Amino acid sequence: MLCGSCNTLPTHMGKPGACEIALVIWLRAPMTAQYQYFTVEDGTFAYGGGRDALNLKTSWQTDLSPQQCAVIVKFAEEGGWLAENPPAGGCEKGAPCADIAVSGTSVRQQFVLPGENPTVVAVTDYLVKIADVRFQQVLDRLPEAGEQPR
């Protein structure tokens, strides 16, 4: 059984590499059974949702552009995630919660923040937009709507 209020991220933290940041976010909302799992390691972004995320797994990945990396680093810096003392806050039972592991050039740490934290929302919304590309790739392979050959 998962502990709804404890940090359950794997202890392995990736290497910052091309993005100058390694990041793992497990965003969970137990009351609505919604789970998302995001990783950034060595310039590669990976995403898992639903059952995959519940099991701390990803099912899709892509290389990040230097601009995407810069945005992620900017959000993390503005949120204090790369500071010596990162923000910390507990999550109320059943409320959305984010377990975060981050490493940069001089810091490696794990902490928990409420899922509604402005930086959590900004980073995860941005990463979801990147992950949404996978749906567009599927749609691009489908035939155009209209009259079909017989």
Protein backbone atom coordinates (compact mmCIF):
# COMPACT_ATOMS: atom_id res chain seq x y z
CA MET A 1 0.00 0.00 0.00
CA LEU A 2 1.29 3.46 -0.87
CA CYS A 3 1.78 6.05 1.79
CA GLY A 4 -0.26 9.08 0.78
CA SER A 5 1.89 11.59 2.64
CA CYS A 6 5.43 10.27 2.34
CA ASN A 7 8.10 10.76 -0.28
CA THR A 8 8.15 7.58 -2.31
CA LEU A 9 10.46 8.55 -5.15
CA PRO A 10 13.27 6.21 -6.01
CA THR A 11 16.54 7.21 -4.38
CA HIS A 12 18.33 7.18 -7.74
CA MET A 13 18.65 10.67 -9.11
CA GLY A 14 19.61 11.22 -12.72
CA LYS A 15 22.48 13.23 -14.06
CA PRO A 16 21.81 16.81 -15.15
CA GLY A 17 23.75 16.49 -18.41
CA ALA A 18 22.49 18.52 -21.36
CA CYS A 19 19.77 20.35 -19.41
CA GLU A 20 21.93 21.19 -16.38
CA ILE A 21 19.11 19.75 -14.27
CA ALA A 22 17.83 16.28 -13.50
CA LEU A 23 14.29 16.17 -12.25
CA VAL A 24 11.76 13.60 -11.14
CA ILE A 25 8.22 14.62 -10.25
CA TRP A 26 5.57 12.18 -9.13
CA LEU A 27 2.31 14.10 -9.12
CA ARG A 28 -0.48 12.24 -7.45
CA ALA A 29 -4.07 12.99 -6.56
CA PRO A 30 -5.31 9.92 -4.67
CA MET A 31 -8.87 11.22 -4.21
CA THR A 32 -9.35 11.33 -8.00
CA ALA A 33 -6.94 8.45 -8.75
CA GLN A 34 -4.91 10.66 -11.09
CA TYR A 35 -1.18 10.06 -11.31
CA GLN A 36 1.56 11.53 -13.50
CA TYR A 37 5.26 10.76 -13.49
CA PHE A 38 7.81 13.07 -15.13
CA THR A 39 11.57 12.66 -15.49
CA VAL A 40 14.23 14.88 -17.02
CA GLU A 41 17.67 13.32 -17.26
CA ASP A 42 20.60 14.20 -19.48
CA GLY A 43 18.41 16.23 -21.85
CA THR A 44 15.72 13.56 -22.20
CA PHE A 45 12.17 14.00 -20.94
CA ALA A 46 10.07 10.94 -20.11
CA TYR A 47 6.41 10.80 -19.13
CA GLY A 48 4.06 8.26 -17.65
CA GLY A 49 0.42 8.62 -16.73
CA GLY A 50 -2.21 6.51 -15.00
CA ARG A 51 -1.07 3.01 -14.07
CA ASP A 52 2.45 3.63 -15.37
CA ALA A 53 2.78 6.71 -13.15
CA LEU A 54 1.30 4.87 -10.17
CA ASN A 55 4.14 2.36 -10.60
CA LEU A 56 6.75 5.12 -11.12
CA LYS A 57 7.27 4.19 -14.76
CA THR A 58 7.31 6.15 -17.97
CA SER A 59 5.85 5.10 -21.31
CA TRP A 60 7.03 7.87 -23.64
CA GLN A 61 10.16 9.96 -24.03
CA THR A 62 11.67 12.66 -26.21
CA ASP A 63 14.81 14.75 -26.38
CA LEU A 64 14.44 18.27 -25.04
CA SER A 65 15.57 21.31 -26.98
CA PRO A 66 17.95 23.79 -25.33
CA GLN A 67 15.01 26.22 -25.07
CA GLN A 68 12.83 23.65 -23.31
CA CYS A 69 15.68 22.87 -20.90
CA ALA A 70 16.10 26.57 -20.16
CA VAL A 71 12.39 26.94 -19.32
CA ILE A 72 12.49 23.96 -16.94
CA VAL A 73 15.61 25.28 -15.19
CA LYS A 74 14.06 28.76 -14.94
CA PHE A 75 10.92 27.38 -13.26
CA ALA A 76 13.01 25.29 -10.84
CA GLU A 77 15.22 28.26 -9.94
CA GLU A 78 12.27 30.62 -9.46
CA GLY A 79 10.55 28.04 -7.24
CA GLY A 80 13.66 27.64 -5.08
CA TRP A 81 14.03 23.97 -6.04
CA LEU A 82 17.77 24.39 -6.65
CA ALA A 83 18.37 26.40 -3.47
CA GLU A 84 20.30 24.98 -0.54
CA ASN A 85 17.04 24.87 1.42
CA PRO A 86 14.22 24.08 -1.01
CA PRO A 87 10.64 24.88 -0.18
CA ALA A 88 8.89 22.16 1.71
CA GLY A 89 5.31 21.62 2.57
CA GLY A 90 3.24 18.72 3.56
CA CYS A 91 0.23 17.54 1.65
CA GLU A 92 -3.13 17.23 3.28
CA LYS A 93 -4.53 13.72 3.24
CA GLY A 94 -6.00 12.97 -0.17
CA ALA A 95 -4.98 16.35 -1.64
CA PRO A 96 -2.84 16.53 -4.77
CA CYS A 97 0.82 16.14 -3.86
CA ALA A 98 4.15 16.24 -5.68
CA ASP A 99 7.20 14.22 -4.67
CA ILE A 100 10.18 15.94 -6.26
CA ALA A 101 13.80 14.87 -6.69
CA VAL A 102 16.11 17.41 -8.30
CA SER A 103 19.80 17.63 -8.96
CA GLY A 104 21.72 20.46 -10.53
CA THR A 105 25.35 21.39 -10.74
CA SER A 106 25.70 21.83 -6.98
CA VAL A 107 22.60 20.34 -5.38
CA ARG A 108 20.86 16.96 -5.03
CA GLN A 109 17.72 16.82 -2.95
CA GLN A 110 14.24 15.46 -2.51
CA PHE A 111 11.20 17.19 -1.07
CA VAL A 112 7.41 17.16 -1.10
CA LEU A 113 5.15 20.03 -2.11
CA PRO A 114 1.39 20.38 -2.41
CA GLY A 115 0.20 19.74 -5.96
CA GLU A 116 -1.32 23.22 -6.11
CA ASN A 117 2.07 24.89 -5.43
CA PRO A 118 2.51 27.51 -8.20
CA THR A 119 5.89 26.14 -9.30
CA VAL A 120 4.61 22.55 -9.34
CA VAL A 121 1.68 23.67 -11.49
CA ALA A 122 3.91 25.68 -13.84
CA VAL A 123 6.47 22.89 -14.33
CA THR A 124 3.96 20.07 -14.71
CA ASP A 125 1.73 22.09 -17.07
CA TYR A 126 4.79 22.81 -19.22
CA LEU A 127 5.88 19.17 -19.21
CA VAL A 128 2.36 18.00 -20.07
CA LYS A 129 2.43 20.32 -23.11
CA ILE A 130 5.65 18.63 -24.22
CA ALA A 131 4.11 15.19 -23.61
CA ASP A 132 1.00 16.12 -25.61
CA VAL A 133 3.17 15.94 -28.74
CA ARG A 134 2.78 12.15 -28.58
CA PHE A 135 -0.95 12.50 -29.27
CA GLN A 136 -0.32 14.81 -32.20
CA GLN A 137 2.09 12.25 -33.67
CA VAL A 138 -0.66 9.62 -33.54
CA LEU A 139 -3.21 12.00 -35.07
CA ASP A 140 -0.81 12.90 -37.88
CA ARG A 141 -0.73 9.24 -38.94
CA LEU A 142 -4.50 8.95 -39.23
CA PRO A 143 -6.19 9.46 -42.60
CA GLU A 144 -7.94 12.75 -43.24
CA ALA A 145 -11.67 12.86 -42.55
CA GLY A 146 -13.89 12.96 -45.58
CA GLU A 147 -15.03 10.70 -48.32
CA GLN A 148 -13.33 7.33 -48.00
CA PRO A 149 -12.46 5.05 -50.91
CA ARG A 150 -14.74 2.05 -51.38
